[in-house]
Amino acid sequence: MFDFERLHVYKKAKTFNGSIREFIKSRSLDRTTSDQLRRAAFSIVLNLAEGSGRFSKPDRRNFYVVARSSLFECIAILDVLKDESALDEIAFRGFYEHADELSRILFAMIKNLEKKAV
């Protein structure tokens, strides 16, 4: 088993990615939007995996920052889709709550990898 497979946040990111993929399949979104949303959600999972394989704290931290940024990108896309009535408020709230939990975990991981002042 690889280190990233043991991470609680990785498992949650995979679940989020799966939910996004199911959402995309169930809607007739324009190609650009569906592609961007799919890529952003997948980026969270992939950056967690890649970051866990890095040896230095700054390297790992950078990948976790990118993963968190991709999460923010997903929420921005979903927010626009909600405004366009392509996503209802209840579904948006579900994605938002899941993303908020992921964001908090990633934030803690990022802070734990910051350089300590001596």
PDB file of N, CA and C in Angstrom:
ATOM      1  N   MET A   1       0.847  -1.184   0.000  1.00  0.00           N
ATOM      2  CA  MET A   1       0.000   0.000   0.000  1.00  0.00           C
ATOM      3  C   MET A   1       0.889   1.242   0.000  1.00  0.00           C
ATOM      4  N   PHE A   2       0.541   2.212  -0.822  1.00  0.00           N
ATOM      5  CA  PHE A   2       1.275   3.474  -0.881  1.00  0.00           C
ATOM      6  C   PHE A   2       0.840   4.374   0.282  1.00  0.00           C
ATOM      7  N   ASP A   3       1.738   5.264   0.701  1.00  0.00           N
ATOM      8  CA  ASP A   3       1.451   6.152   1.836  1.00  0.00           C
ATOM      9  C   ASP A   3       0.160   6.942   1.649  1.00  0.00           C
ATOM     10  N   PHE A   4      -0.068   7.476   0.463  1.00  0.00           N
ATOM     11  CA  PHE A   4      -1.243   8.317   0.242  1.00  0.00           C
ATOM     12  C   PHE A   4      -2.547   7.554   0.419  1.00  0.00           C
ATOM     13  N   GLU A   5      -2.515   6.247   0.188  1.00  0.00           N
ATOM     14  CA  GLU A   5      -3.736   5.452   0.324  1.00  0.00           C
ATOM     15  C   GLU A   5      -4.193   5.346   1.780  1.00  0.00           C
ATOM     16  N   ARG A   6      -3.300   5.617   2.704  1.00  0.00           N
ATOM     17  CA  ARG A   6      -3.624   5.575   4.132  1.00  0.00           C
ATOM     18  C   ARG A   6      -4.177   6.912   4.627  1.00  0.00           C
ATOM     19  N   LEU A   7      -4.011   7.954   3.843  1.00  0.00           N
ATOM     20  CA  LEU A   7      -4.446   9.288   4.269  1.00  0.00           C
ATOM     21  C   LEU A   7      -5.975   9.404   4.267  1.00  0.00           C
ATOM     22  N   HIS A   8      -6.504   9.840   5.397  1.00  0.00           N
ATOM     23  CA  HIS A   8      -7.943  10.074   5.528  1.00  0.00           C
ATOM     24  C   HIS A   8      -8.416  11.108   4.494  1.00  0.00           C
ATOM     25  N   VAL A   9      -7.615  12.142   4.308  1.00  0.00           N
ATOM     26  CA  VAL A   9      -7.980  13.204   3.368  1.00  0.00           C
ATOM     27  C   VAL A   9      -8.002  12.681   1.926  1.00  0.00           C
ATOM     28  N   TYR A  10      -7.137  11.740   1.607  1.00  0.00           N
ATOM     29  CA  TYR A  10      -7.124  11.163   0.262  1.00  0.00           C
ATOM     30  C   TYR A  10      -8.434  10.418   0.007  1.00  0.00           C
ATOM     31  N   LYS A  11      -8.874   9.645   0.989  1.00  0.00           N
ATOM     32  CA  LYS A  11     -10.138   8.905   0.858  1.00  0.00           C
ATOM     33  C   LYS A  11     -11.302   9.865   0.684  1.00  0.00           C
ATOM     34  N   LYS A  12     -11.307  10.939   1.448  1.00  0.00           N
ATOM     35  CA  LYS A  12     -12.377  11.933   1.328  1.00  0.00           C
ATOM     36  C   LYS A  12     -12.323  12.641  -0.029  1.00  0.00           C
ATOM     37  N   ALA A  13     -11.118  12.899  -0.512  1.00  0.00           N
ATOM     38  CA  ALA A  13     -10.953  13.544  -1.820  1.00  0.00           C
ATOM     39  C   ALA A  13     -11.456  12.626  -2.937  1.00  0.00           C
ATOM     40  N   LYS A  14     -11.198  11.329  -2.809  1.00  0.00           N
ATOM     41  CA  LYS A  14     -11.703  10.378  -3.800  1.00  0.00           C
ATOM     42  C   LYS A  14     -13.235  10.369  -3.808  1.00  0.00           C
ATOM     43  N   THR A  15     -13.832  10.418  -2.648  1.00  0.00           N
ATOM     44  CA  THR A  15     -15.294  10.461  -2.554  1.00  0.00           C
ATOM     45  C   THR A  15     -15.836  11.733  -3.203  1.00  0.00           C
ATOM     46  N   PHE A  16     -15.194  12.864  -2.923  1.00  0.00           N
ATOM     47  CA  PHE A  16     -15.599  14.136  -3.523  1.00  0.00           C
ATOM     48  C   PHE A  16     -15.480  14.059  -5.041  1.00  0.00           C
ATOM     49  N   ASN A  17     -14.360  13.535  -5.523  1.00  0.00           N
ATOM     50  CA  ASN A  17     -14.145  13.379  -6.960  1.00  0.00           C
ATOM     51  C   ASN A  17     -15.238  12.504  -7.578  1.00  0.00           C
ATOM     52  N   GLY A  18     -15.566  11.405  -6.930  1.00  0.00           N
ATOM     53  CA  GLY A  18     -16.619  10.526  -7.432  1.00  0.00           C
ATOM     54  C   GLY A  18     -17.970  11.219  -7.496  1.00  0.00           C
ATOM     55  N   SER A  19     -18.268  12.022  -6.488  1.00  0.00           N
ATOM     56  CA  SER A  19     -19.530  12.775  -6.474  1.00  0.00           C
ATOM     57  C   SER A  19     -19.585  13.790  -7.614  1.00  0.00           C
ATOM     58  N   ILE A  20     -18.460  14.435  -7.847  1.00  0.00           N
ATOM     59  CA  ILE A  20     -18.383  15.402  -8.954  1.00  0.00           C
ATOM     60  C   ILE A  20     -18.578  14.680 -10.282  1.00  0.00           C
ATOM     61  N   ARG A  21     -17.941  13.553 -10.469  1.00  0.00           N
ATOM     62  CA  ARG A  21     -18.075  12.789 -11.720  1.00  0.00           C
ATOM     63  C   ARG A  21     -19.520  12.339 -11.938  1.00  0.00           C
ATOM     64  N   GLU A  22     -20.176  11.885 -10.880  1.00  0.00           N
ATOM     65  CA  GLU A  22     -21.589  11.486 -10.992  1.00  0.00           C
ATOM     66  C   GLU A  22     -22.457  12.683 -11.361  1.00  0.00           C
ATOM     67  N   PHE A  23     -22.173  13.827 -10.748  1.00  0.00           N
ATOM     68  CA  PHE A  23     -22.913  15.047 -11.060  1.00  0.00           C
ATOM     69  C   PHE A  23     -22.748  15.406 -12.540  1.00  0.00           C
ATOM     70  N   ILE A  24     -21.519  15.363 -13.024  1.00  0.00           N
ATOM     71  CA  ILE A  24     -21.250  15.703 -14.425  1.00  0.00           C
ATOM     72  C   ILE A  24     -21.996  14.759 -15.360  1.00  0.00           C
ATOM     73  N   LYS A  25     -21.974  13.467 -15.052  1.00  0.00           N
ATOM     74  CA  LYS A  25     -22.661  12.485 -15.894  1.00  0.00           C
ATOM     75  C   LYS A  25     -24.170  12.705 -15.926  1.00  0.00           C
ATOM     76  N   SER A  26     -24.713  13.228 -14.838  1.00  0.00           N
ATOM     77  CA  SER A  26     -26.164  13.389 -14.736  1.00  0.00           C
ATOM     78  C   SER A  26     -26.683  14.701 -15.334  1.00  0.00           C
ATOM     79  N   ARG A  27     -25.793  15.555 -15.762  1.00  0.00           N
ATOM     80  CA  ARG A  27     -26.184  16.862 -16.303  1.00  0.00           C
ATOM     81  C   ARG A  27     -25.673  17.018 -17.727  1.00  0.00           C
ATOM     82  N   SER A  28     -26.335  17.870 -18.450  1.00  0.00           N
ATOM     83  CA  SER A  28     -25.846  18.200 -19.793  1.00  0.00           C
ATOM     84  C   SER A  28     -25.173  19.565 -19.725  1.00  0.00           C
ATOM     85  N   LEU A  29     -23.989  19.568 -19.129  1.00  0.00           N
ATOM     86  CA  LEU A  29     -23.196  20.792 -19.022  1.00  0.00           C
ATOM     87  C   LEU A  29     -22.417  20.997 -20.316  1.00  0.00           C
ATOM     88  N   ASP A  30     -22.058  22.240 -20.579  1.00  0.00           N
ATOM     89  CA  ASP A  30     -21.221  22.470 -21.756  1.00  0.00           C
ATOM     90  C   ASP A  30     -19.866  21.808 -21.521  1.00  0.00           C
ATOM     91  N   ARG A  31     -19.218  21.489 -22.617  1.00  0.00           N
ATOM     92  CA  ARG A  31     -17.981  20.717 -22.562  1.00  0.00           C
ATOM     93  C   ARG A  31     -16.893  21.410 -21.737  1.00  0.00           C
ATOM     94  N   THR A  32     -16.759  22.708 -21.887  1.00  0.00           N
ATOM     95  CA  THR A  32     -15.724  23.446 -21.168  1.00  0.00           C
ATOM     96  C   THR A  32     -15.939  23.357 -19.666  1.00  0.00           C
ATOM     97  N   THR A  33     -17.158  23.562 -19.228  1.00  0.00           N
ATOM     98  CA  THR A  33     -17.459  23.523 -17.804  1.00  0.00           C
ATOM     99  C   THR A  33     -17.262  22.131 -17.232  1.00  0.00           C
ATOM    100  N   SER A  34     -17.799  21.122 -17.901  1.00  0.00           N
ATOM    101  CA  SER A  34     -17.656  19.757 -17.384  1.00  0.00           C
ATOM    102  C   SER A  34     -16.195  19.334 -17.359  1.00  0.00           C
ATOM    103  N   ASP A  35     -15.435  19.696 -18.381  1.00  0.00           N
ATOM    104  CA  ASP A  35     -14.019  19.348 -18.430  1.00  0.00           C
ATOM    105  C   ASP A  35     -13.258  20.034 -17.296  1.00  0.00           C
ATOM    106  N   GLN A  36     -13.516  21.314 -17.092  1.00  0.00           N
ATOM    107  CA  GLN A  36     -12.800  22.066 -16.053  1.00  0.00           C
ATOM    108  C   GLN A  36     -13.141  21.538 -14.658  1.00  0.00           C
ATOM    109  N   LEU A  37     -14.408  21.245 -14.419  1.00  0.00           N
ATOM    110  CA  LEU A  37     -14.826  20.721 -13.129  1.00  0.00           C
ATOM    111  C   LEU A  37     -14.225  19.335 -12.885  1.00  0.00           C
ATOM    112  N   ARG A  38     -14.258  18.497 -13.888  1.00  0.00           N
ATOM    113  CA  ARG A  38     -13.687  17.154 -13.766  1.00  0.00           C
ATOM    114  C   ARG A  38     -12.186  17.225 -13.481  1.00  0.00           C
ATOM    115  N   ARG A  39     -11.486  18.077 -14.199  1.00  0.00           N
ATOM    116  CA  ARG A  39     -10.040  18.213 -14.015  1.00  0.00           C
ATOM    117  C   ARG A  39      -9.701  18.751 -12.626  1.00  0.00           C
ATOM    118  N   ALA A  40     -10.458  19.734 -12.167  1.00  0.00           N
ATOM    119  CA  ALA A  40     -10.187  20.328 -10.850  1.00  0.00           C
ATOM    120  C   ALA A  40     -10.402  19.305  -9.740  1.00  0.00           C
ATOM    121  N   ALA A  41     -11.493  18.543  -9.816  1.00  0.00           N
ATOM    122  CA  ALA A  41     -11.767  17.531  -8.792  1.00  0.00           C
ATOM    123  C   ALA A  41     -10.712  16.426  -8.817  1.00  0.00           C
ATOM    124  N   PHE A  42     -10.304  16.028 -10.005  1.00  0.00           N
ATOM    125  CA  PHE A  42      -9.282  14.992 -10.146  1.00  0.00           C
ATOM    126  C   PHE A  42      -7.933  15.494  -9.637  1.00  0.00           C
ATOM    127  N   SER A  43      -7.669  16.775  -9.837  1.00  0.00           N
ATOM    128  CA  SER A  43      -6.418  17.388  -9.399  1.00  0.00           C
ATOM    129  C   SER A  43      -6.242  17.296  -7.882  1.00  0.00           C
ATOM    130  N   ILE A  44      -7.330  17.375  -7.149  1.00  0.00           N
ATOM    131  CA  ILE A  44      -7.242  17.270  -5.689  1.00  0.00           C
ATOM    132  C   ILE A  44      -6.647  15.919  -5.313  1.00  0.00           C
ATOM    133  N   VAL A  45      -7.215  14.870  -5.863  1.00  0.00           N
ATOM    134  CA  VAL A  45      -6.773  13.500  -5.579  1.00  0.00           C
ATOM    135  C   VAL A  45      -5.320  13.297  -6.020  1.00  0.00           C
ATOM    136  N   LEU A  46      -5.018  13.714  -7.227  1.00  0.00           N
ATOM    137  CA  LEU A  46      -3.683  13.483  -7.780  1.00  0.00           C
ATOM    138  C   LEU A  46      -2.604  14.260  -7.042  1.00  0.00           C
ATOM    139  N   ASN A  47      -2.890  15.494  -6.650  1.00  0.00           N
ATOM    140  CA  ASN A  47      -1.891  16.279  -5.931  1.00  0.00           C
ATOM    141  C   ASN A  47      -1.653  15.756  -4.520  1.00  0.00           C
ATOM    142  N   LEU A  48      -2.680  15.204  -3.893  1.00  0.00           N
ATOM    143  CA  LEU A  48      -2.473  14.564  -2.594  1.00  0.00           C
ATOM    144  C   LEU A  48      -1.545  13.361  -2.743  1.00  0.00           C
ATOM    145  N   ALA A  49      -1.798  12.560  -3.770  1.00  0.00           N
ATOM    146  CA  ALA A  49      -0.962  11.379  -4.000  1.00  0.00           C
ATOM    147  C   ALA A  49       0.472  11.791  -4.317  1.00  0.00           C
ATOM    148  N   GLU A  50       0.630  12.726  -5.231  1.00  0.00           N
ATOM    149  CA  GLU A  50       1.977  13.129  -5.621  1.00  0.00           C
ATOM    150  C   GLU A  50       2.721  13.801  -4.473  1.00  0.00           C
ATOM    151  N   GLY A  51       2.033  14.646  -3.728  1.00  0.00           N
ATOM    152  CA  GLY A  51       2.667  15.325  -2.605  1.00  0.00           C
ATOM    153  C   GLY A  51       3.147  14.371  -1.536  1.00  0.00           C
ATOM    154  N   SER A  52       2.393  13.307  -1.307  1.00  0.00           N
ATOM    155  CA  SER A  52       2.778  12.350  -0.268  1.00  0.00           C
ATOM    156  C   SER A  52       4.072  11.624  -0.618  1.00  0.00           C
ATOM    157  N   GLY A  53       4.428  11.625  -1.881  1.00  0.00           N
ATOM    158  CA  GLY A  53       5.653  10.963  -2.313  1.00  0.00           C
ATOM    159  C   GLY A  53       6.883  11.843  -2.259  1.00  0.00           C
ATOM    160  N   ARG A  54       6.697  13.101  -1.912  1.00  0.00           N
ATOM    161  CA  ARG A  54       7.835  14.024  -1.845  1.00  0.00           C
ATOM    162  C   ARG A  54       8.557  13.889  -0.506  1.00  0.00           C
ATOM    163  N   PHE A  55       9.863  14.094  -0.534  1.00  0.00           N
ATOM    164  CA  PHE A  55      10.662  13.903   0.677  1.00  0.00           C
ATOM    165  C   PHE A  55      10.763  15.145   1.539  1.00  0.00           C
ATOM    166  N   SER A  56      10.766  16.315   0.922  1.00  0.00           N
ATOM    167  CA  SER A  56      10.918  17.528   1.727  1.00  0.00           C
ATOM    168  C   SER A  56       9.549  18.118   2.082  1.00  0.00           C
ATOM    169  N   LYS A  57       9.514  18.735   3.230  1.00  0.00           N
ATOM    170  CA  LYS A  57       8.272  19.362   3.682  1.00  0.00           C
ATOM    171  C   LYS A  57       7.796  20.458   2.717  1.00  0.00           C
ATOM    172  N   PRO A  58       8.697  21.318   2.223  1.00  0.00           N
ATOM    173  CA  PRO A  58       8.239  22.343   1.278  1.00  0.00           C
ATOM    174  C   PRO A  58       7.637  21.757  -0.002  1.00  0.00           C
ATOM    175  N   ASP A  59       8.210  20.673  -0.501  1.00  0.00           N
ATOM    176  CA  ASP A  59       7.662  20.024  -1.696  1.00  0.00           C
ATOM    177  C   ASP A  59       6.265  19.477  -1.419  1.00  0.00           C
ATOM    178  N   ARG A  60       6.117  18.756  -0.305  1.00  0.00           N
ATOM    179  CA  ARG A  60       4.801  18.208   0.050  1.00  0.00           C
ATOM    180  C   ARG A  60       3.790  19.330   0.214  1.00  0.00           C
ATOM    181  N   ARG A  61       4.206  20.363   0.918  1.00  0.00           N
ATOM    182  CA  ARG A  61       3.319  21.503   1.174  1.00  0.00           C
ATOM    183  C   ARG A  61       2.816  22.111  -0.135  1.00  0.00           C
ATOM    184  N   ASN A  62       3.698  22.275  -1.110  1.00  0.00           N
ATOM    185  CA  ASN A  62       3.290  22.866  -2.388  1.00  0.00           C
ATOM    186  C   ASN A  62       2.202  22.042  -3.064  1.00  0.00           C
ATOM    187  N   PHE A  63       2.312  20.736  -3.035  1.00  0.00           N
ATOM    188  CA  PHE A  63       1.288  19.892  -3.654  1.00  0.00           C
ATOM    189  C   PHE A  63      -0.040  19.981  -2.896  1.00  0.00           C
ATOM    190  N   TYR A  64       0.037  20.089  -1.579  1.00  0.00           N
ATOM    191  CA  TYR A  64      -1.193  20.206  -0.796  1.00  0.00           C
ATOM    192  C   TYR A  64      -1.858  21.570  -1.015  1.00  0.00           C
ATOM    193  N   VAL A  65      -1.049  22.600  -1.233  1.00  0.00           N
ATOM    194  CA  VAL A  65      -1.597  23.923  -1.564  1.00  0.00           C
ATOM    195  C   VAL A  65      -2.326  23.861  -2.910  1.00  0.00           C
ATOM    196  N   VAL A  66      -1.732  23.184  -3.882  1.00  0.00           N
ATOM    197  CA  VAL A  66      -2.376  23.041  -5.199  1.00  0.00           C
ATOM    198  C   VAL A  66      -3.670  22.243  -5.069  1.00  0.00           C
ATOM    199  N   ALA A  67      -3.657  21.197  -4.256  1.00  0.00           N
ATOM    200  CA  ALA A  67      -4.874  20.400  -4.045  1.00  0.00           C
ATOM    201  C   ALA A  67      -5.981  21.275  -3.456  1.00  0.00           C
ATOM    202  N   ARG A  68      -5.641  22.084  -2.475  1.00  0.00           N
ATOM    203  CA  ARG A  68      -6.642  22.973  -1.848  1.00  0.00           C
ATOM    204  C   ARG A  68      -7.138  24.025  -2.840  1.00  0.00           C
ATOM    205  N   SER A  69      -6.252  24.537  -3.658  1.00  0.00           N
ATOM    206  CA  SER A  69      -6.646  25.514  -4.676  1.00  0.00           C
ATOM    207  C   SER A  69      -7.599  24.888  -5.690  1.00  0.00           C
ATOM    208  N   SER A  70      -7.351  23.645  -6.067  1.00  0.00           N
ATOM    209  CA  SER A  70      -8.245  22.937  -6.985  1.00  0.00           C
ATOM    210  C   SER A  70      -9.621  22.733  -6.357  1.00  0.00           C
ATOM    211  N   LEU A  71      -9.642  22.497  -5.067  1.00  0.00           N
ATOM    212  CA  LEU A  71     -10.907  22.379  -4.343  1.00  0.00           C
ATOM    213  C   LEU A  71     -11.682  23.693  -4.420  1.00  0.00           C
ATOM    214  N   PHE A  72     -10.994  24.802  -4.218  1.00  0.00           N
ATOM    215  CA  PHE A  72     -11.630  26.120  -4.329  1.00  0.00           C
ATOM    216  C   PHE A  72     -12.177  26.340  -5.738  1.00  0.00           C
ATOM    217  N   GLU A  73     -11.424  25.884  -6.725  1.00  0.00           N
ATOM    218  CA  GLU A  73     -11.869  25.999  -8.116  1.00  0.00           C
ATOM    219  C   GLU A  73     -13.175  25.237  -8.326  1.00  0.00           C
ATOM    220  N   CYS A  74     -13.265  24.044  -7.764  1.00  0.00           N
ATOM    221  CA  CYS A  74     -14.512  23.265  -7.874  1.00  0.00           C
ATOM    222  C   CYS A  74     -15.692  24.036  -7.295  1.00  0.00           C
ATOM    223  N   ILE A  75     -15.499  24.608  -6.125  1.00  0.00           N
ATOM    224  CA  ILE A  75     -16.601  25.335  -5.482  1.00  0.00           C
ATOM    225  C   ILE A  75     -16.987  26.559  -6.307  1.00  0.00           C
ATOM    226  N   ALA A  76     -16.033  27.240  -6.879  1.00  0.00           N
ATOM    227  CA  ALA A  76     -16.352  28.394  -7.720  1.00  0.00           C
ATOM    228  C   ALA A  76     -17.182  27.970  -8.936  1.00  0.00           C
ATOM    229  N   ILE A  77     -16.803  26.875  -9.560  1.00  0.00           N
ATOM    230  CA  ILE A  77     -17.561  26.374 -10.717  1.00  0.00           C
ATOM    231  C   ILE A  77     -18.966  25.991 -10.294  1.00  0.00           C
ATOM    232  N   LEU A  78     -19.087  25.269  -9.181  1.00  0.00           N
ATOM    233  CA  LEU A  78     -20.405  24.854  -8.699  1.00  0.00           C
ATOM    234  C   LEU A  78     -21.269  26.053  -8.320  1.00  0.00           C
ATOM    235  N   ASP A  79     -20.651  27.089  -7.778  1.00  0.00           N
ATOM    236  CA  ASP A  79     -21.371  28.313  -7.422  1.00  0.00           C
ATOM    237  C   ASP A  79     -21.950  28.982  -8.667  1.00  0.00           C
ATOM    238  N   VAL A  80     -21.156  29.035  -9.714  1.00  0.00           N
ATOM    239  CA  VAL A  80     -21.642  29.603 -10.985  1.00  0.00           C
ATOM    240  C   VAL A  80     -22.778  28.743 -11.541  1.00  0.00           C
ATOM    241  N   LEU A  81     -22.615  27.432 -11.482  1.00  0.00           N
ATOM    242  CA  LEU A  81     -23.676  26.533 -11.969  1.00  0.00           C
ATOM    243  C   LEU A  81     -24.961  26.707 -11.162  1.00  0.00           C
ATOM    244  N   LYS A  82     -24.822  26.944  -9.869  1.00  0.00           N
ATOM    245  CA  LYS A  82     -25.995  27.213  -9.027  1.00  0.00           C
ATOM    246  C   LYS A  82     -26.676  28.498  -9.487  1.00  0.00           C
ATOM    247  N   ASP A  83     -25.890  29.526  -9.733  1.00  0.00           N
ATOM    248  CA  ASP A  83     -26.439  30.801 -10.208  1.00  0.00           C
ATOM    249  C   ASP A  83     -27.144  30.657 -11.547  1.00  0.00           C
ATOM    250  N   GLU A  84     -26.677  29.720 -12.362  1.00  0.00           N
ATOM    251  CA  GLU A  84     -27.270  29.483 -13.682  1.00  0.00           C
ATOM    252  C   GLU A  84     -28.407  28.452 -13.633  1.00  0.00           C
ATOM    253  N   SER A  85     -28.762  28.029 -12.416  1.00  0.00           N
ATOM    254  CA  SER A  85     -29.816  27.029 -12.187  1.00  0.00           C
ATOM    255  C   SER A  85     -29.500  25.661 -12.775  1.00  0.00           C
ATOM    256  N   ALA A  86     -28.219  25.364 -12.945  1.00  0.00           N
ATOM    257  CA  ALA A  86     -27.808  24.042 -13.399  1.00  0.00           C
ATOM    258  C   ALA A  86     -27.540  23.127 -12.200  1.00  0.00           C
ATOM    259  N   LEU A  87     -27.602  23.703 -11.012  1.00  0.00           N
ATOM    260  CA  LEU A  87     -27.374  22.985  -9.762  1.00  0.00           C
ATOM    261  C   LEU A  87     -28.289  23.598  -8.716  1.00  0.00           C
ATOM    262  N   ASP A  88     -29.077  22.764  -8.046  1.00  0.00           N
ATOM    263  CA  ASP A  88     -29.986  23.316  -7.033  1.00  0.00           C
ATOM    264  C   ASP A  88     -29.242  23.580  -5.723  1.00  0.00           C
ATOM    265  N   GLU A  89     -29.874  24.354  -4.879  1.00  0.00           N
ATOM    266  CA  GLU A  89     -29.254  24.785  -3.616  1.00  0.00           C
ATOM    267  C   GLU A  89     -28.903  23.601  -2.711  1.00  0.00           C
ATOM    268  N   ILE A  90     -29.749  22.610  -2.652  1.00  0.00           N
ATOM    269  CA  ILE A  90     -29.506  21.453  -1.784  1.00  0.00           C
ATOM    270  C   ILE A  90     -28.260  20.689  -2.237  1.00  0.00           C
ATOM    271  N   ALA A  91     -28.151  20.437  -3.527  1.00  0.00           N
ATOM    272  CA  ALA A  91     -26.975  19.739  -4.058  1.00  0.00           C
ATOM    273  C   ALA A  91     -25.720  20.583  -3.850  1.00  0.00           C
ATOM    274  N   PHE A  92     -25.844  21.879  -4.072  1.00  0.00           N
ATOM    275  CA  PHE A  92     -24.706  22.775  -3.864  1.00  0.00           C
ATOM    276  C   PHE A  92     -24.235  22.698  -2.417  1.00  0.00           C
ATOM    277  N   ARG A  93     -25.162  22.741  -1.481  1.00  0.00           N
ATOM    278  CA  ARG A  93     -24.831  22.677  -0.055  1.00  0.00           C
ATOM    279  C   ARG A  93     -24.084  21.382   0.273  1.00  0.00           C
ATOM    280  N   GLY A  94     -24.514  20.272  -0.329  1.00  0.00           N
ATOM    281  CA  GLY A  94     -23.834  18.996  -0.093  1.00  0.00           C
ATOM    282  C   GLY A  94     -22.389  19.035  -0.550  1.00  0.00           C
ATOM    283  N   PHE A  95     -22.170  19.533  -1.763  1.00  0.00           N
ATOM    284  CA  PHE A  95     -20.805  19.670  -2.266  1.00  0.00           C
ATOM    285  C   PHE A  95     -20.008  20.632  -1.389  1.00  0.00           C
ATOM    286  N   TYR A  96     -20.643  21.735  -1.015  1.00  0.00           N
ATOM    287  CA  TYR A  96     -19.979  22.782  -0.235  1.00  0.00           C
ATOM    288  C   TYR A  96     -19.523  22.245   1.120  1.00  0.00           C
ATOM    289  N   GLU A  97     -20.378  21.509   1.798  1.00  0.00           N
ATOM    290  CA  GLU A  97     -20.025  20.964   3.116  1.00  0.00           C
ATOM    291  C   GLU A  97     -18.881  19.962   3.015  1.00  0.00           C
ATOM    292  N   HIS A  98     -18.929  19.126   1.993  1.00  0.00           N
ATOM    293  CA  HIS A  98     -17.848  18.159   1.783  1.00  0.00           C
ATOM    294  C   HIS A  98     -16.539  18.908   1.495  1.00  0.00           C
ATOM    295  N   ALA A  99     -16.613  19.924   0.648  1.00  0.00           N
ATOM    296  CA  ALA A  99     -15.424  20.704   0.297  1.00  0.00           C
ATOM    297  C   ALA A  99     -14.887  21.463   1.508  1.00  0.00           C
ATOM    298  N   ASP A 100     -15.777  21.973   2.335  1.00  0.00           N
ATOM    299  CA  ASP A 100     -15.344  22.706   3.525  1.00  0.00           C
ATOM    300  C   ASP A 100     -14.549  21.794   4.457  1.00  0.00           C
ATOM    301  N   GLU A 101     -15.019  20.578   4.631  1.00  0.00           N
ATOM    302  CA  GLU A 101     -14.298  19.619   5.466  1.00  0.00           C
ATOM    303  C   GLU A 101     -12.919  19.311   4.875  1.00  0.00           C
ATOM    304  N   LEU A 102     -12.873  19.056   3.571  1.00  0.00           N
ATOM    305  CA  LEU A 102     -11.597  18.809   2.902  1.00  0.00           C
ATOM    306  C   LEU A 102     -10.650  20.001   3.036  1.00  0.00           C
ATOM    307  N   SER A 103     -11.190  21.184   2.866  1.00  0.00           N
ATOM    308  CA  SER A 103     -10.387  22.399   2.948  1.00  0.00           C
ATOM    309  C   SER A 103      -9.760  22.560   4.325  1.00  0.00           C
ATOM    310  N   ARG A 104     -10.528  22.272   5.357  1.00  0.00           N
ATOM    311  CA  ARG A 104     -10.010  22.396   6.725  1.00  0.00           C
ATOM    312  C   ARG A 104      -8.889  21.386   6.988  1.00  0.00           C
ATOM    313  N   ILE A 105      -9.067  20.180   6.513  1.00  0.00           N
ATOM    314  CA  ILE A 105      -8.036  19.155   6.689  1.00  0.00           C
ATOM    315  C   ILE A 105      -6.762  19.553   5.940  1.00  0.00           C
ATOM    316  N   LEU A 106      -6.927  19.985   4.690  1.00  0.00           N
ATOM    317  CA  LEU A 106      -5.777  20.400   3.894  1.00  0.00           C
ATOM    318  C   LEU A 106      -5.073  21.600   4.515  1.00  0.00           C
ATOM    319  N   PHE A 107      -5.847  22.543   5.034  1.00  0.00           N
ATOM    320  CA  PHE A 107      -5.261  23.722   5.677  1.00  0.00           C
ATOM    321  C   PHE A 107      -4.378  23.298   6.850  1.00  0.00           C
ATOM    322  N   ALA A 108      -4.881  22.370   7.656  1.00  0.00           N
ATOM    323  CA  ALA A 108      -4.096  21.885   8.798  1.00  0.00           C
ATOM    324  C   ALA A 108      -2.819  21.188   8.323  1.00  0.00           C
ATOM    325  N   MET A 109      -2.929  20.399   7.256  1.00  0.00           N
ATOM    326  CA  MET A 109      -1.750  19.715   6.720  1.00  0.00           C
ATOM    327  C   MET A 109      -0.717  20.721   6.216  1.00  0.00           C
ATOM    328  N   ILE A 110      -1.190  21.753   5.544  1.00  0.00           N
ATOM    329  CA  ILE A 110      -0.303  22.793   5.004  1.00  0.00           C
ATOM    330  C   ILE A 110       0.386  23.537   6.142  1.00  0.00           C
ATOM    331  N   LYS A 111      -0.387  23.905   7.143  1.00  0.00           N
ATOM    332  CA  LYS A 111       0.195  24.642   8.285  1.00  0.00           C
ATOM    333  C   LYS A 111       1.231  23.791   9.018  1.00  0.00           C
ATOM    334  N   ASN A 112       0.994  22.495   9.126  1.00  0.00           N
ATOM    335  CA  ASN A 112       1.935  21.608   9.801  1.00  0.00           C
ATOM    336  C   ASN A 112       3.240  21.459   9.048  1.00  0.00           C
ATOM    337  N   LEU A 113       3.249  21.787   7.771  1.00  0.00           N
ATOM    338  CA  LEU A 113       4.460  21.647   6.955  1.00  0.00           C
ATOM    339  C   LEU A 113       5.202  22.973   6.759  1.00  0.00           C
ATOM    340  N   GLU A 114       4.678  24.048   7.337  1.00  0.00           N
ATOM    341  CA  GLU A 114       5.347  25.344   7.198  1.00  0.00           C
ATOM    342  C   GLU A 114       6.626  25.351   8.004  1.00  0.00           C
ATOM    343  N   LYS A 115       7.559  26.169   7.532  1.00  0.00           N
ATOM    344  CA  LYS A 115       8.820  26.322   8.252  1.00  0.00           C
ATOM    345  C   LYS A 115       8.548  26.984   9.599  1.00  0.00           C
ATOM    346  N   LYS A 116       9.178  26.489  10.609  1.00  0.00           N
ATOM    347  CA  LYS A 116       9.062  27.060  11.952  1.00  0.00           C
ATOM    348  C   LYS A 116      10.167  28.100  12.148  1.00  0.00           C
ATOM    349  N   ALA A 117       9.758  29.262  12.673  1.00  0.00           N
ATOM    350  CA  ALA A 117      10.753  30.314  12.953  1.00  0.00           C
ATOM    351  C   ALA A 117      11.622  29.882  14.135  1.00  0.00           C
ATOM    352  N   VAL A 118      12.922  30.100  14.001  1.00  0.00           N
ATOM    353  CA  VAL A 118      13.847  29.705  15.056  1.00  0.00           C
ATOM    354  C   VAL A 118      14.401  30.923  15.749  1.00  0.00           C
TER     355      VAL A 118
END
